[in-house]
Amino acid sequence: MYPVATKQLFFKAVVERLEPLGIRPQDVLTSLTENGFEDWYAGKI
């Protein structure tokens, strides 16, 4: 799991990149889900 501070920096970066496109920070809702390596499939077993 990522530390809370890292997640907050990510959320802030997303908002800062959307703002120049005219998207207000209060209109952004971001959901972050962390999963383990076993939850992914890349075409090979």
PDB file of N, CA and C in Angstrom:
ATOM      1  N   MET A   1       0.832  -1.190   0.000  1.00  0.00           N
ATOM      2  CA  MET A   1       0.000   0.000   0.000  1.00  0.00           C
ATOM      3  C   MET A   1       0.874   1.250   0.000  1.00  0.00           C
ATOM      4  N   TYR A   2       0.377   2.255  -0.673  1.00  0.00           N
ATOM      5  CA  TYR A   2       1.090   3.528  -0.703  1.00  0.00           C
ATOM      6  C   TYR A   2       0.752   4.346   0.532  1.00  0.00           C
ATOM      7  N   PRO A   3       1.704   5.139   1.004  1.00  0.00           N
ATOM      8  CA  PRO A   3       1.429   6.013   2.148  1.00  0.00           C
ATOM      9  C   PRO A   3       0.377   7.064   1.779  1.00  0.00           C
ATOM     10  N   VAL A   4      -0.341   7.534   2.776  1.00  0.00           N
ATOM     11  CA  VAL A   4      -1.384   8.542   2.576  1.00  0.00           C
ATOM     12  C   VAL A   4      -0.813   9.775   1.880  1.00  0.00           C
ATOM     13  N   ALA A   5       0.370  10.210   2.258  1.00  0.00           N
ATOM     14  CA  ALA A   5       0.973  11.406   1.662  1.00  0.00           C
ATOM     15  C   ALA A   5       1.189  11.224   0.154  1.00  0.00           C
ATOM     16  N   THR A   6       1.573  10.040  -0.276  1.00  0.00           N
ATOM     17  CA  THR A   6       1.771   9.756  -1.693  1.00  0.00           C
ATOM     18  C   THR A   6       0.442   9.824  -2.442  1.00  0.00           C
ATOM     19  N   LYS A   7      -0.595   9.265  -1.855  1.00  0.00           N
ATOM     20  CA  LYS A   7      -1.923   9.308  -2.470  1.00  0.00           C
ATOM     21  C   LYS A   7      -2.408  10.751  -2.599  1.00  0.00           C
ATOM     22  N   GLN A   8      -2.196  11.551  -1.565  1.00  0.00           N
ATOM     23  CA  GLN A   8      -2.619  12.949  -1.610  1.00  0.00           C
ATOM     24  C   GLN A   8      -1.874  13.714  -2.702  1.00  0.00           C
ATOM     25  N   LEU A   9      -0.590  13.437  -2.874  1.00  0.00           N
ATOM     26  CA  LEU A   9       0.179  14.077  -3.947  1.00  0.00           C
ATOM     27  C   LEU A   9      -0.364  13.674  -5.319  1.00  0.00           C
ATOM     28  N   PHE A  10      -0.750  12.426  -5.466  1.00  0.00           N
ATOM     29  CA  PHE A  10      -1.338  11.952  -6.716  1.00  0.00           C
ATOM     30  C   PHE A  10      -2.643  12.686  -7.014  1.00  0.00           C
ATOM     31  N   PHE A  11      -3.526  12.773  -6.036  1.00  0.00           N
ATOM     32  CA  PHE A  11      -4.809  13.456  -6.223  1.00  0.00           C
ATOM     33  C   PHE A  11      -4.591  14.921  -6.599  1.00  0.00           C
ATOM     34  N   LYS A  12      -3.648  15.557  -5.924  1.00  0.00           N
ATOM     35  CA  LYS A  12      -3.331  16.962  -6.207  1.00  0.00           C
ATOM     36  C   LYS A  12      -2.816  17.119  -7.640  1.00  0.00           C
ATOM     37  N   ALA A  13      -1.961  16.212  -8.072  1.00  0.00           N
ATOM     38  CA  ALA A  13      -1.411  16.271  -9.431  1.00  0.00           C
ATOM     39  C   ALA A  13      -2.504  16.102 -10.481  1.00  0.00           C
ATOM     40  N   VAL A  14      -3.451  15.211 -10.232  1.00  0.00           N
ATOM     41  CA  VAL A  14      -4.557  15.009 -11.169  1.00  0.00           C
ATOM     42  C   VAL A  14      -5.349  16.303 -11.326  1.00  0.00           C
ATOM     43  N   VAL A  15      -5.708  16.910 -10.213  1.00  0.00           N
ATOM     44  CA  VAL A  15      -6.491  18.152 -10.245  1.00  0.00           C
ATOM     45  C   VAL A  15      -5.714  19.264 -10.946  1.00  0.00           C
ATOM     46  N   GLU A  16      -4.435  19.377 -10.657  1.00  0.00           N
ATOM     47  CA  GLU A  16      -3.628  20.436 -11.269  1.00  0.00           C
ATOM     48  C   GLU A  16      -3.518  20.258 -12.786  1.00  0.00           C
ATOM     49  N   ARG A  17      -3.528  19.031 -13.258  1.00  0.00           N
ATOM     50  CA  ARG A  17      -3.442  18.790 -14.705  1.00  0.00           C
ATOM     51  C   ARG A  17      -4.786  18.995 -15.410  1.00  0.00           C
ATOM     52  N   LEU A  18      -5.878  18.841 -14.682  1.00  0.00           N
ATOM     53  CA  LEU A  18      -7.202  19.024 -15.270  1.00  0.00           C
ATOM     54  C   LEU A  18      -7.649  20.491 -15.283  1.00  0.00           C
ATOM     55  N   GLU A  19      -7.166  21.252 -14.316  1.00  0.00           N
ATOM     56  CA  GLU A  19      -7.577  22.652 -14.187  1.00  0.00           C
ATOM     57  C   GLU A  19      -7.348  23.481 -15.454  1.00  0.00           C
ATOM     58  N   PRO A  20      -6.191  23.357 -16.139  1.00  0.00           N
ATOM     59  CA  PRO A  20      -5.992  24.143 -17.368  1.00  0.00           C
ATOM     60  C   PRO A  20      -6.988  23.789 -18.482  1.00  0.00           C
ATOM     61  N   LEU A  21      -7.633  22.649 -18.365  1.00  0.00           N
ATOM     62  CA  LEU A  21      -8.625  22.233 -19.351  1.00  0.00           C
ATOM     63  C   LEU A  21     -10.011  22.777 -19.030  1.00  0.00           C
ATOM     64  N   GLY A  22     -10.097  23.543 -17.935  1.00  0.00           N
ATOM     65  CA  GLY A  22     -11.373  24.133 -17.541  1.00  0.00           C
ATOM     66  C   GLY A  22     -12.179  23.287 -16.576  1.00  0.00           C
ATOM     67  N   ILE A  23     -11.566  22.248 -16.035  1.00  0.00           N
ATOM     68  CA  ILE A  23     -12.258  21.381 -15.080  1.00  0.00           C
ATOM     69  C   ILE A  23     -11.931  21.864 -13.670  1.00  0.00           C
ATOM     70  N   ARG A  24     -12.968  22.257 -12.956  1.00  0.00           N
ATOM     71  CA  ARG A  24     -12.778  22.796 -11.607  1.00  0.00           C
ATOM     72  C   ARG A  24     -12.417  21.679 -10.623  1.00  0.00           C
ATOM     73  N   PRO A  25     -11.538  21.975  -9.672  1.00  0.00           N
ATOM     74  CA  PRO A  25     -11.151  20.959  -8.679  1.00  0.00           C
ATOM     75  C   PRO A  25     -12.351  20.350  -7.951  1.00  0.00           C
ATOM     76  N   GLN A  26     -13.354  21.160  -7.666  1.00  0.00           N
ATOM     77  CA  GLN A  26     -14.521  20.646  -6.938  1.00  0.00           C
ATOM     78  C   GLN A  26     -15.390  19.726  -7.809  1.00  0.00           C
ATOM     79  N   ASP A  27     -15.103  19.658  -9.100  1.00  0.00           N
ATOM     80  CA  ASP A  27     -15.839  18.762  -9.985  1.00  0.00           C
ATOM     81  C   ASP A  27     -15.113  17.438 -10.224  1.00  0.00           C
ATOM     82  N   VAL A  28     -13.974  17.247  -9.576  1.00  0.00           N
ATOM     83  CA  VAL A  28     -13.178  16.028  -9.762  1.00  0.00           C
ATOM     84  C   VAL A  28     -13.416  15.083  -8.587  1.00  0.00           C
ATOM     85  N   LEU A  29     -13.744  13.851  -8.911  1.00  0.00           N
ATOM     86  CA  LEU A  29     -13.882  12.805  -7.902  1.00  0.00           C
ATOM     87  C   LEU A  29     -12.976  11.655  -8.339  1.00  0.00           C
ATOM     88  N   THR A  30     -12.001  11.323  -7.523  1.00  0.00           N
ATOM     89  CA  THR A  30     -11.039  10.283  -7.856  1.00  0.00           C
ATOM     90  C   THR A  30     -11.146   9.162  -6.842  1.00  0.00           C
ATOM     91  N   SER A  31     -11.178   7.947  -7.346  1.00  0.00           N
ATOM     92  CA  SER A  31     -11.207   6.781  -6.482  1.00  0.00           C
ATOM     93  C   SER A  31      -9.964   5.953  -6.777  1.00  0.00           C
ATOM     94  N   LEU A  32      -9.275   5.555  -5.749  1.00  0.00           N
ATOM     95  CA  LEU A  32      -8.049   4.782  -5.891  1.00  0.00           C
ATOM     96  C   LEU A  32      -8.263   3.422  -5.226  1.00  0.00           C
ATOM     97  N   THR A  33      -8.007   2.370  -5.988  1.00  0.00           N
ATOM     98  CA  THR A  33      -8.130   1.018  -5.459  1.00  0.00           C
ATOM     99  C   THR A  33      -6.781   0.327  -5.585  1.00  0.00           C
ATOM    100  N   GLU A  34      -6.275  -0.167  -4.495  1.00  0.00           N
ATOM    101  CA  GLU A  34      -5.000  -0.871  -4.519  1.00  0.00           C
ATOM    102  C   GLU A  34      -5.252  -2.373  -4.512  1.00  0.00           C
ATOM    103  N   ASN A  35      -4.554  -3.091  -5.394  1.00  0.00           N
ATOM    104  CA  ASN A  35      -4.638  -4.536  -5.379  1.00  0.00           C
ATOM    105  C   ASN A  35      -3.247  -5.130  -5.494  1.00  0.00           C
ATOM    106  N   GLY A  36      -3.174  -6.389  -5.175  1.00  0.00           N
ATOM    107  CA  GLY A  36      -1.891  -7.074  -5.225  1.00  0.00           C
ATOM    108  C   GLY A  36      -1.578  -7.593  -6.615  1.00  0.00           C
ATOM    109  N   PHE A  37      -0.356  -8.058  -6.797  1.00  0.00           N
ATOM    110  CA  PHE A  37       0.101  -8.578  -8.078  1.00  0.00           C
ATOM    111  C   PHE A  37      -0.800  -9.712  -8.570  1.00  0.00           C
ATOM    112  N   GLU A  38      -1.283 -10.525  -7.662  1.00  0.00           N
ATOM    113  CA  GLU A  38      -2.117 -11.669  -8.029  1.00  0.00           C
ATOM    114  C   GLU A  38      -3.467 -11.262  -8.620  1.00  0.00           C
ATOM    115  N   ASP A  39      -3.831  -9.993  -8.527  1.00  0.00           N
ATOM    116  CA  ASP A  39      -5.100  -9.508  -9.060  1.00  0.00           C
ATOM    117  C   ASP A  39      -5.003  -9.086 -10.524  1.00  0.00           C
ATOM    118  N   TRP A  40      -3.832  -9.221 -11.125  1.00  0.00           N
ATOM    119  CA  TRP A  40      -3.611  -8.774 -12.505  1.00  0.00           C
ATOM    120  C   TRP A  40      -3.318  -9.951 -13.405  1.00  0.00           C
ATOM    121  N   TYR A  41      -3.686  -9.809 -14.668  1.00  0.00           N
ATOM    122  CA  TYR A  41      -3.402 -10.819 -15.681  1.00  0.00           C
ATOM    123  C   TYR A  41      -2.863 -10.097 -16.915  1.00  0.00           C
ATOM    124  N   ALA A  42      -1.697 -10.491 -17.406  1.00  0.00           N
ATOM    125  CA  ALA A  42      -1.071  -9.819 -18.536  1.00  0.00           C
ATOM    126  C   ALA A  42      -0.951 -10.720 -19.753  1.00  0.00           C
ATOM    127  N   GLY A  43      -1.798 -11.721 -19.875  1.00  0.00           N
ATOM    128  CA  GLY A  43      -1.813 -12.550 -21.066  1.00  0.00           C
ATOM    129  C   GLY A  43      -1.006 -13.841 -20.975  1.00  0.00           C
ATOM    130  N   LYS A  44      -0.254 -14.017 -19.929  1.00  0.00           N
ATOM    131  CA  LYS A  44       0.527 -15.246 -19.743  1.00  0.00           C
ATOM    132  C   LYS A  44       0.359 -15.739 -18.313  1.00  0.00           C
ATOM    133  N   ILE A  45       0.469 -17.032 -18.176  1.00  0.00           N
ATOM    134  CA  ILE A  45       0.421 -17.600 -16.814  1.00  0.00           C
ATOM    135  C   ILE A  45       1.734 -18.301 -16.559  1.00  0.00           C
TER     136      ILE A  45
END
